[in-house]
Amino acid sequence: MLAVLTCLAVAACGPLPADGIVAVTDTPRFFPAHMYVQPGGTIEWRNHSTAPHVVAATAVPPRGERFLSPPIRPGGFWRHTFLEPGTYRYACALMGGEELEGIIEVR
């Protein structure tokens, strides 16, 4: 059972998804707040809240590309493709706060 939980927690038991979706809600939170993708994978942020959000990189790997979305209106979305492996941290540049922070791990 522990092996299965570990496998799910670190996504080490099979291929990582090429793409993923992060929802922004009125909670306010990014869901999920931590995602894994392969190099070349695209993450789509979907705004399910009643306020606009701006997704901004706060830390990227040495060869990683910084990203900054335009304002994502309620009901809208924005996509970014991650080419370089590493850990990318991001936050909402409009709202701030620990709740609106997330991590994308590319490996």
N, C-alpha and C. Protein backbone atom coordinates (compact mmCIF):
# COMPACT_ATOMS: atom_id res chain seq x y z
N MET A 1 0.82 -1.19 0.00
CA MET A 1 0.00 0.00 0.00
C MET A 1 0.87 1.26 0.00
N LEU A 2 1.94 1.25 0.81
CA LEU A 2 2.83 2.40 0.86
C LEU A 2 3.46 2.67 -0.51
N ALA A 3 3.82 1.61 -1.24
CA ALA A 3 4.41 1.79 -2.57
C ALA A 3 3.41 2.46 -3.51
N VAL A 4 2.15 2.08 -3.41
CA VAL A 4 1.14 2.68 -4.27
C VAL A 4 0.97 4.15 -3.94
N LEU A 5 0.91 4.50 -2.66
CA LEU A 5 0.77 5.90 -2.25
C LEU A 5 1.98 6.71 -2.68
N THR A 6 3.19 6.14 -2.52
CA THR A 6 4.39 6.84 -2.94
C THR A 6 4.37 7.05 -4.44
N CYS A 7 3.96 6.03 -5.16
CA CYS A 7 3.87 6.13 -6.61
C CYS A 7 2.95 7.27 -7.01
N LEU A 8 1.80 7.38 -6.39
CA LEU A 8 0.85 8.43 -6.71
C LEU A 8 1.38 9.80 -6.31
N ALA A 9 2.09 9.85 -5.20
CA ALA A 9 2.57 11.14 -4.70
C ALA A 9 3.66 11.73 -5.57
N VAL A 10 4.53 10.92 -6.13
CA VAL A 10 5.65 11.46 -6.90
C VAL A 10 5.54 11.16 -8.39
N ALA A 11 4.48 10.55 -8.81
CA ALA A 11 4.26 10.25 -10.23
C ALA A 11 5.43 9.50 -10.83
N ALA A 12 5.97 8.52 -10.10
CA ALA A 12 7.16 7.81 -10.55
C ALA A 12 6.86 6.43 -11.12
N CYS A 13 5.64 6.02 -11.20
CA CYS A 13 5.31 4.66 -11.61
C CYS A 13 4.83 4.55 -13.03
N GLY A 14 4.99 5.56 -13.80
CA GLY A 14 4.54 5.52 -15.19
C GLY A 14 4.85 6.83 -15.85
N PRO A 15 4.52 6.92 -17.12
CA PRO A 15 4.81 8.17 -17.82
C PRO A 15 4.01 9.33 -17.25
N LEU A 16 4.65 10.48 -17.23
CA LEU A 16 3.98 11.69 -16.74
C LEU A 16 3.07 12.23 -17.83
N PRO A 17 2.01 12.92 -17.46
CA PRO A 17 1.12 13.46 -18.48
C PRO A 17 1.83 14.50 -19.33
N ALA A 18 1.47 14.55 -20.59
CA ALA A 18 2.05 15.55 -21.49
C ALA A 18 1.41 16.91 -21.26
N ASP A 19 0.19 16.91 -20.75
CA ASP A 19 -0.53 18.16 -20.56
C ASP A 19 -1.31 18.11 -19.25
N GLY A 20 -1.71 19.27 -18.76
CA GLY A 20 -2.49 19.32 -17.53
C GLY A 20 -3.31 20.59 -17.45
N ILE A 21 -4.26 20.58 -16.54
CA ILE A 21 -5.16 21.72 -16.33
C ILE A 21 -5.10 22.13 -14.86
N VAL A 22 -4.94 23.42 -14.64
CA VAL A 22 -4.99 23.99 -13.30
C VAL A 22 -6.21 24.91 -13.25
N ALA A 23 -7.05 24.71 -12.26
CA ALA A 23 -8.25 25.55 -12.09
C ALA A 23 -7.96 26.63 -11.05
N VAL A 24 -8.47 27.81 -11.30
CA VAL A 24 -8.42 28.90 -10.33
C VAL A 24 -9.86 29.10 -9.86
N THR A 25 -10.05 29.04 -8.54
CA THR A 25 -11.40 29.12 -8.00
C THR A 25 -11.54 30.32 -7.06
N ASP A 26 -12.74 30.54 -6.60
CA ASP A 26 -13.00 31.64 -5.65
C ASP A 26 -12.51 31.31 -4.25
N THR A 27 -11.93 30.16 -4.04
CA THR A 27 -11.51 29.73 -2.71
C THR A 27 -10.56 30.72 -2.04
N PRO A 28 -9.62 31.42 -2.51
CA PRO A 28 -8.94 31.32 -3.80
C PRO A 28 -7.79 30.34 -3.72
N ARG A 29 -7.70 29.47 -4.70
CA ARG A 29 -6.63 28.47 -4.77
C ARG A 29 -6.41 28.07 -6.21
N PHE A 30 -5.17 27.59 -6.48
CA PHE A 30 -4.90 26.88 -7.72
C PHE A 30 -5.15 25.41 -7.42
N PHE A 31 -5.85 24.71 -8.30
CA PHE A 31 -6.13 23.30 -8.06
C PHE A 31 -5.87 22.50 -9.33
N PRO A 32 -4.96 21.54 -9.29
CA PRO A 32 -4.09 21.24 -8.16
C PRO A 32 -2.97 22.28 -8.05
N ALA A 33 -2.44 22.40 -6.87
CA ALA A 33 -1.38 23.38 -6.63
C ALA A 33 -0.01 22.86 -7.04
N HIS A 34 0.11 21.55 -7.27
CA HIS A 34 1.39 20.93 -7.63
C HIS A 34 1.13 19.95 -8.77
N MET A 35 1.79 20.16 -9.90
CA MET A 35 1.60 19.28 -11.06
C MET A 35 2.93 18.82 -11.62
N TYR A 36 2.88 17.69 -12.31
CA TYR A 36 4.04 17.13 -13.00
C TYR A 36 3.72 17.00 -14.47
N VAL A 37 4.66 17.39 -15.34
CA VAL A 37 4.51 17.18 -16.78
C VAL A 37 5.87 16.82 -17.38
N GLN A 38 5.83 16.29 -18.57
CA GLN A 38 7.05 15.99 -19.32
C GLN A 38 7.52 17.26 -20.03
N PRO A 39 8.82 17.32 -20.38
CA PRO A 39 9.26 18.45 -21.21
C PRO A 39 8.42 18.51 -22.49
N GLY A 40 8.01 19.70 -22.84
CA GLY A 40 7.12 19.88 -23.99
C GLY A 40 5.65 19.85 -23.62
N GLY A 41 5.36 19.57 -22.34
CA GLY A 41 3.98 19.53 -21.87
C GLY A 41 3.41 20.93 -21.71
N THR A 42 2.11 21.03 -21.91
CA THR A 42 1.43 22.32 -21.80
C THR A 42 0.47 22.30 -20.62
N ILE A 43 0.53 23.34 -19.82
CA ILE A 43 -0.41 23.51 -18.71
C ILE A 43 -1.40 24.59 -19.12
N GLU A 44 -2.66 24.33 -18.85
CA GLU A 44 -3.72 25.32 -19.11
C GLU A 44 -4.30 25.75 -17.77
N TRP A 45 -4.28 27.06 -17.53
CA TRP A 45 -4.92 27.62 -16.35
C TRP A 45 -6.32 28.06 -16.75
N ARG A 46 -7.34 27.55 -16.05
CA ARG A 46 -8.74 27.90 -16.33
C ARG A 46 -9.28 28.70 -15.15
N ASN A 47 -9.84 29.85 -15.44
CA ASN A 47 -10.35 30.71 -14.38
C ASN A 47 -11.82 30.41 -14.13
N HIS A 48 -12.08 29.72 -13.02
CA HIS A 48 -13.45 29.41 -12.60
C HIS A 48 -13.92 30.34 -11.49
N SER A 49 -13.16 31.41 -11.26
CA SER A 49 -13.51 32.35 -10.19
C SER A 49 -14.29 33.53 -10.78
N THR A 50 -14.64 34.45 -9.92
CA THR A 50 -15.38 35.64 -10.35
C THR A 50 -14.46 36.85 -10.54
N ALA A 51 -13.16 36.65 -10.37
CA ALA A 51 -12.19 37.74 -10.50
C ALA A 51 -11.13 37.37 -11.54
N PRO A 52 -10.52 38.36 -12.19
CA PRO A 52 -9.43 38.05 -13.12
C PRO A 52 -8.18 37.62 -12.34
N HIS A 53 -7.32 36.87 -13.02
CA HIS A 53 -6.05 36.41 -12.43
C HIS A 53 -4.95 36.53 -13.46
N VAL A 54 -3.72 36.74 -12.98
CA VAL A 54 -2.53 36.78 -13.82
C VAL A 54 -1.55 35.75 -13.27
N VAL A 55 -1.19 34.77 -14.10
CA VAL A 55 -0.26 33.72 -13.69
C VAL A 55 1.16 34.20 -14.01
N ALA A 56 2.01 34.27 -12.97
CA ALA A 56 3.36 34.79 -13.14
C ALA A 56 4.38 33.86 -12.51
N ALA A 57 5.44 33.55 -13.25
CA ALA A 57 6.53 32.74 -12.71
C ALA A 57 7.22 33.52 -11.60
N THR A 58 7.46 32.83 -10.48
CA THR A 58 8.20 33.46 -9.38
C THR A 58 9.59 32.85 -9.22
N ALA A 59 9.79 31.64 -9.75
CA ALA A 59 11.10 30.98 -9.74
C ALA A 59 11.11 29.95 -10.86
N VAL A 60 12.19 29.92 -11.62
CA VAL A 60 12.32 28.97 -12.71
C VAL A 60 13.70 28.32 -12.65
N PRO A 61 13.87 27.13 -13.27
CA PRO A 61 15.18 26.51 -13.32
C PRO A 61 16.16 27.38 -14.13
N PRO A 62 17.46 27.13 -14.01
CA PRO A 62 18.45 27.97 -14.69
C PRO A 62 18.21 28.15 -16.19
N ARG A 63 17.76 27.13 -16.88
CA ARG A 63 17.52 27.24 -18.32
C ARG A 63 16.03 27.41 -18.64
N GLY A 64 15.22 27.54 -17.61
CA GLY A 64 13.78 27.66 -17.80
C GLY A 64 13.37 29.05 -18.25
N GLU A 65 12.20 29.11 -18.84
CA GLU A 65 11.67 30.36 -19.34
C GLU A 65 10.66 30.95 -18.35
N ARG A 66 10.82 32.23 -18.03
CA ARG A 66 9.83 32.91 -17.19
C ARG A 66 8.55 33.07 -17.99
N PHE A 67 7.43 33.09 -17.31
CA PHE A 67 6.15 33.27 -17.99
C PHE A 67 5.28 34.25 -17.22
N LEU A 68 4.42 34.93 -17.96
CA LEU A 68 3.50 35.91 -17.39
C LEU A 68 2.28 35.94 -18.30
N SER A 69 1.15 35.56 -17.75
CA SER A 69 -0.07 35.55 -18.55
C SER A 69 -0.65 36.96 -18.63
N PRO A 70 -1.46 37.21 -19.64
CA PRO A 70 -2.28 38.41 -19.59
C PRO A 70 -3.37 38.17 -18.55
N PRO A 71 -4.15 39.17 -18.18
CA PRO A 71 -5.25 38.91 -17.24
C PRO A 71 -6.19 37.83 -17.82
N ILE A 72 -6.44 36.82 -17.00
CA ILE A 72 -7.35 35.74 -17.40
C ILE A 72 -8.70 36.08 -16.78
N ARG A 73 -9.64 36.43 -17.59
CA ARG A 73 -10.97 36.82 -17.12
C ARG A 73 -11.75 35.60 -16.63
N PRO A 74 -12.75 35.80 -15.79
CA PRO A 74 -13.61 34.69 -15.37
C PRO A 74 -14.14 33.94 -16.60
N GLY A 75 -14.01 32.63 -16.57
CA GLY A 75 -14.43 31.79 -17.69
C GLY A 75 -13.36 31.63 -18.75
N GLY A 76 -12.25 32.35 -18.63
CA GLY A 76 -11.18 32.29 -19.63
C GLY A 76 -10.09 31.31 -19.26
N PHE A 77 -9.09 31.20 -20.14
CA PHE A 77 -7.97 30.31 -19.89
C PHE A 77 -6.71 30.89 -20.53
N TRP A 78 -5.57 30.32 -20.12
CA TRP A 78 -4.27 30.68 -20.69
C TRP A 78 -3.40 29.44 -20.63
N ARG A 79 -2.54 29.25 -21.63
CA ARG A 79 -1.67 28.07 -21.71
C ARG A 79 -0.21 28.47 -21.80
N HIS A 80 0.63 27.61 -21.21
CA HIS A 80 2.08 27.76 -21.33
C HIS A 80 2.69 26.38 -21.53
N THR A 81 3.64 26.28 -22.46
CA THR A 81 4.34 25.03 -22.73
C THR A 81 5.70 25.09 -22.05
N PHE A 82 6.02 24.04 -21.30
CA PHE A 82 7.27 23.95 -20.53
C PHE A 82 8.25 23.08 -21.29
N LEU A 83 9.36 23.66 -21.73
CA LEU A 83 10.34 22.93 -22.53
C LEU A 83 11.50 22.38 -21.71
N GLU A 84 11.93 23.13 -20.71
CA GLU A 84 13.11 22.74 -19.93
C GLU A 84 12.72 22.03 -18.64
N PRO A 85 13.40 20.93 -18.32
CA PRO A 85 13.12 20.23 -17.04
C PRO A 85 13.45 21.13 -15.84
N GLY A 86 12.78 20.86 -14.75
CA GLY A 86 13.04 21.58 -13.51
C GLY A 86 11.76 21.93 -12.80
N THR A 87 11.91 22.69 -11.72
CA THR A 87 10.78 23.10 -10.89
C THR A 87 10.47 24.56 -11.16
N TYR A 88 9.22 24.82 -11.50
CA TYR A 88 8.74 26.16 -11.78
C TYR A 88 7.72 26.53 -10.70
N ARG A 89 7.94 27.67 -10.08
CA ARG A 89 6.99 28.16 -9.09
C ARG A 89 6.26 29.36 -9.69
N TYR A 90 4.98 29.49 -9.35
CA TYR A 90 4.20 30.59 -9.90
C TYR A 90 3.19 31.06 -8.87
N ALA A 91 2.64 32.25 -9.14
CA ALA A 91 1.64 32.84 -8.25
C ALA A 91 0.75 33.74 -9.08
N CYS A 92 -0.36 34.15 -8.49
CA CYS A 92 -1.22 35.14 -9.13
C CYS A 92 -0.63 36.51 -8.82
N ALA A 93 -0.28 37.24 -9.87
CA ALA A 93 0.33 38.56 -9.69
C ALA A 93 -0.68 39.61 -9.22
N LEU A 94 -1.96 39.32 -9.35
CA LEU A 94 -2.98 40.27 -8.92
C LEU A 94 -3.40 40.05 -7.47
N MET A 95 -3.51 38.80 -7.06
CA MET A 95 -4.04 38.47 -5.73
C MET A 95 -2.96 38.26 -4.69
N GLY A 96 -1.87 37.58 -5.08
CA GLY A 96 -0.81 37.28 -4.13
C GLY A 96 -1.29 36.35 -3.03
N GLY A 97 -0.49 36.21 -2.01
CA GLY A 97 -0.84 35.34 -0.89
C GLY A 97 -0.43 33.91 -1.14
N GLU A 98 -0.20 33.18 -0.07
CA GLU A 98 0.24 31.79 -0.17
C GLU A 98 -0.78 30.90 -0.85
N GLU A 99 -2.06 31.24 -0.74
CA GLU A 99 -3.10 30.40 -1.32
C GLU A 99 -2.98 30.36 -2.85
N LEU A 100 -2.58 31.45 -3.45
CA LEU A 100 -2.51 31.49 -4.90
C LEU A 100 -1.06 31.33 -5.38
N GLU A 101 -0.47 30.24 -4.95
CA GLU A 101 0.87 29.84 -5.39
C GLU A 101 0.79 28.41 -5.88
N GLY A 102 1.62 28.07 -6.85
CA GLY A 102 1.63 26.71 -7.35
C GLY A 102 3.02 26.31 -7.84
N ILE A 103 3.14 25.02 -8.14
CA ILE A 103 4.41 24.44 -8.61
C ILE A 103 4.12 23.54 -9.79
N ILE A 104 4.95 23.67 -10.83
CA ILE A 104 4.94 22.75 -11.96
C ILE A 104 6.31 22.09 -11.99
N GLU A 105 6.35 20.76 -11.94
CA GLU A 105 7.61 20.04 -12.05
C GLU A 105 7.67 19.39 -13.42
N VAL A 106 8.70 19.73 -14.17
CA VAL A 106 8.88 19.19 -15.50
C VAL A 106 10.03 18.20 -15.42
N ARG A 107 9.70 16.91 -15.74
CA ARG A 107 10.72 15.87 -15.71
C ARG A 107 10.36 14.69 -16.57
